[in-house]
Amino acid sequence: MIVLDASAVVKLIIDEPGSDLVRKKIDSEAKEGEPIYAPDIALAESINAIWKYSGLKGRKNVDPYRTLADLMLIWDRLSIVDTETLAPIAMKIAVENKITIYDALYAALSKLNRAPLLTFDKSLKGKAGKIGIELAMA
């Protein structure tokens, strides 16, 4: 069982440092039949990252439409949890730890399911111990 944030989801669809590690971890979880969770906001954040890579960063090897199609294939295999379910826990985490509600939603999902969080967000990784969540990869 694992929780993915958008930084991990993006590494599944766009080759960048850490992509191989994420793919191996997800393959391992899937082979064991473990659920792979993500909050619903991860979809919008991942689509935004595709847009950034294909437009703002000018990576010519990132076709936004093909990459979006790849994302949607992966998305359909994840266990998605809606913001409404996570909001009360996320607000408490955000206020107590002075983090964005976006990051707190990932942390809340991790806490709720007692599942390690797979993230490449340095700020969130730095707060994980204080929040009381385990990281899937340190």
Protein backbone atom coordinates (compact mmCIF):
# COMPACT_ATOMS: atom_id res chain seq x y z
CA MET A 1 0.00 0.00 0.00
CA ILE A 2 1.34 3.39 -0.98
CA VAL A 3 0.21 6.98 -1.57
CA LEU A 4 1.46 8.90 -4.60
CA ASP A 5 1.68 12.64 -4.86
CA ALA A 6 1.77 14.46 -8.19
CA SER A 7 5.58 14.57 -8.23
CA ALA A 8 5.61 10.76 -8.20
CA VAL A 9 2.76 10.40 -10.71
CA VAL A 10 4.60 12.67 -13.15
CA LYS A 11 7.70 10.48 -12.92
CA LEU A 12 5.59 7.58 -14.17
CA ILE A 13 4.75 9.37 -17.43
CA ILE A 14 7.69 11.70 -18.08
CA ASP A 15 11.28 10.52 -17.98
CA GLU A 16 13.22 12.52 -15.43
CA PRO A 17 15.55 11.76 -12.52
CA GLY A 18 13.85 9.28 -10.22
CA SER A 19 11.46 7.89 -12.84
CA ASP A 20 13.04 4.42 -12.81
CA LEU A 21 12.83 4.23 -9.01
CA VAL A 22 9.16 5.20 -9.01
CA ARG A 23 8.29 2.73 -11.74
CA LYS A 24 10.03 -0.11 -9.88
CA LYS A 25 8.27 0.78 -6.63
CA ILE A 26 4.86 0.93 -8.32
CA ASP A 27 5.50 -2.36 -10.15
CA SER A 28 6.40 -3.99 -6.85
CA GLU A 29 3.25 -2.69 -5.13
CA ALA A 30 1.06 -3.77 -8.04
CA LYS A 31 2.58 -7.28 -8.16
CA GLU A 32 1.78 -7.69 -4.47
CA GLY A 33 -1.80 -6.62 -5.12
CA GLU A 34 -1.42 -3.60 -2.86
CA PRO A 35 -3.62 -0.55 -3.44
CA ILE A 36 -1.95 2.54 -4.84
CA TYR A 37 -3.70 5.66 -3.55
CA ALA A 38 -3.79 9.25 -4.74
CA PRO A 39 -6.01 12.17 -3.80
CA ASP A 40 -8.14 13.58 -6.59
CA ILE A 41 -6.06 16.78 -6.76
CA ALA A 42 -3.10 14.76 -8.06
CA LEU A 43 -4.77 14.57 -11.46
CA ALA A 44 -4.97 18.36 -11.92
CA GLU A 45 -1.45 18.83 -10.57
CA SER A 46 -0.10 16.14 -12.91
CA ILE A 47 -1.87 17.62 -15.94
CA ASN A 48 -0.40 21.01 -15.01
CA ALA A 49 3.07 19.44 -14.92
CA ILE A 50 2.54 17.99 -18.40
CA TRP A 51 1.59 21.46 -19.61
CA LYS A 52 4.70 22.95 -18.01
CA TYR A 53 7.01 20.36 -19.52
CA SER A 54 5.53 20.60 -23.01
CA GLY A 55 5.04 24.37 -23.09
CA LEU A 56 6.96 26.41 -20.57
CA LYS A 57 10.02 24.17 -20.31
CA GLY A 58 9.96 23.47 -24.03
CA ARG A 59 10.77 19.77 -23.77
CA LYS A 60 10.15 18.68 -27.33
CA ASN A 61 10.09 15.00 -26.34
CA VAL A 62 6.94 15.59 -24.24
CA ASP A 63 3.87 15.44 -26.44
CA PRO A 64 1.14 16.87 -24.18
CA TYR A 65 -1.66 14.85 -25.74
CA ARG A 66 0.13 11.50 -25.73
CA THR A 67 1.42 12.15 -22.22
CA LEU A 68 -2.08 13.04 -21.04
CA ALA A 69 -3.37 9.78 -22.54
CA ASP A 70 -0.63 7.88 -20.66
CA LEU A 71 -1.60 9.67 -17.46
CA MET A 72 -5.24 8.73 -17.87
CA LEU A 73 -4.34 5.05 -18.31
CA ILE A 74 -2.40 5.13 -15.06
CA TRP A 75 -5.06 7.20 -13.29
CA ASP A 76 -7.71 4.58 -13.99
CA ARG A 77 -5.65 2.02 -12.06
CA LEU A 78 -5.22 4.11 -8.92
CA SER A 79 -7.46 4.17 -5.86
CA ILE A 80 -8.60 7.80 -5.84
CA VAL A 81 -9.78 9.54 -2.68
CA ASP A 82 -11.75 12.77 -2.95
CA THR A 83 -10.77 16.04 -1.31
CA GLU A 84 -14.02 16.15 0.65
CA THR A 85 -13.03 12.98 2.53
CA LEU A 86 -9.55 14.29 3.32
CA ALA A 87 -10.39 17.94 4.06
CA PRO A 88 -10.84 17.76 7.88
CA ILE A 89 -7.59 15.85 8.41
CA ALA A 90 -5.75 17.96 5.82
CA MET A 91 -6.81 21.25 7.40
CA LYS A 92 -5.49 20.14 10.78
CA ILE A 93 -2.20 19.02 9.21
CA ALA A 94 -1.86 22.26 7.20
CA VAL A 95 -2.53 24.54 10.17
CA GLU A 96 -0.35 22.64 12.64
CA ASN A 97 2.58 22.22 10.24
CA LYS A 98 2.34 25.43 8.21
CA ILE A 99 2.16 23.61 4.88
CA THR A 100 -0.09 24.15 1.89
CA ILE A 101 -3.45 22.45 1.85
CA TYR A 102 -2.31 20.71 -1.34
CA ASP A 103 0.60 19.04 0.47
CA ALA A 104 -1.60 18.40 3.49
CA LEU A 105 -4.07 16.45 1.34
CA TYR A 106 -1.32 14.00 0.41
CA ALA A 107 -0.22 13.75 4.03
CA ALA A 108 -3.82 13.25 5.16
CA LEU A 109 -4.30 10.38 2.73
CA SER A 110 -1.08 8.80 3.95
CA LYS A 111 -2.22 9.11 7.58
CA LEU A 112 -5.75 7.92 6.87
CA ASN A 113 -4.54 4.72 5.19
CA ARG A 114 -1.39 4.28 7.26
CA ALA A 115 0.45 4.07 3.98
CA PRO A 116 3.86 5.49 3.11
CA LEU A 117 3.90 8.56 0.88
CA LEU A 118 5.92 8.56 -2.32
CA THR A 119 6.94 12.16 -2.97
CA PHE A 120 9.82 14.13 -4.40
CA ASP A 121 8.63 17.38 -2.83
CA LYS A 122 11.53 18.48 -0.60
CA SER A 123 9.36 20.58 1.68
CA LEU A 124 6.85 17.79 2.28
CA LYS A 125 9.62 15.23 2.77
CA GLY A 126 11.18 17.51 5.37
CA LYS A 127 7.94 17.74 7.34
CA ALA A 128 6.96 14.05 7.11
CA GLY A 129 8.39 13.07 10.49
CA LYS A 130 6.71 15.93 12.31
CA ILE A 131 3.40 15.17 10.57
CA GLY A 132 3.75 11.52 11.50
CA ILE A 133 3.81 9.95 8.06
CA GLU A 134 6.23 7.45 6.60
CA LEU A 135 8.00 8.09 3.32
CA ALA A 136 8.10 5.34 0.71
CA MET A 137 11.56 6.44 -0.41
CA ALA A 138 13.76 8.66 1.69
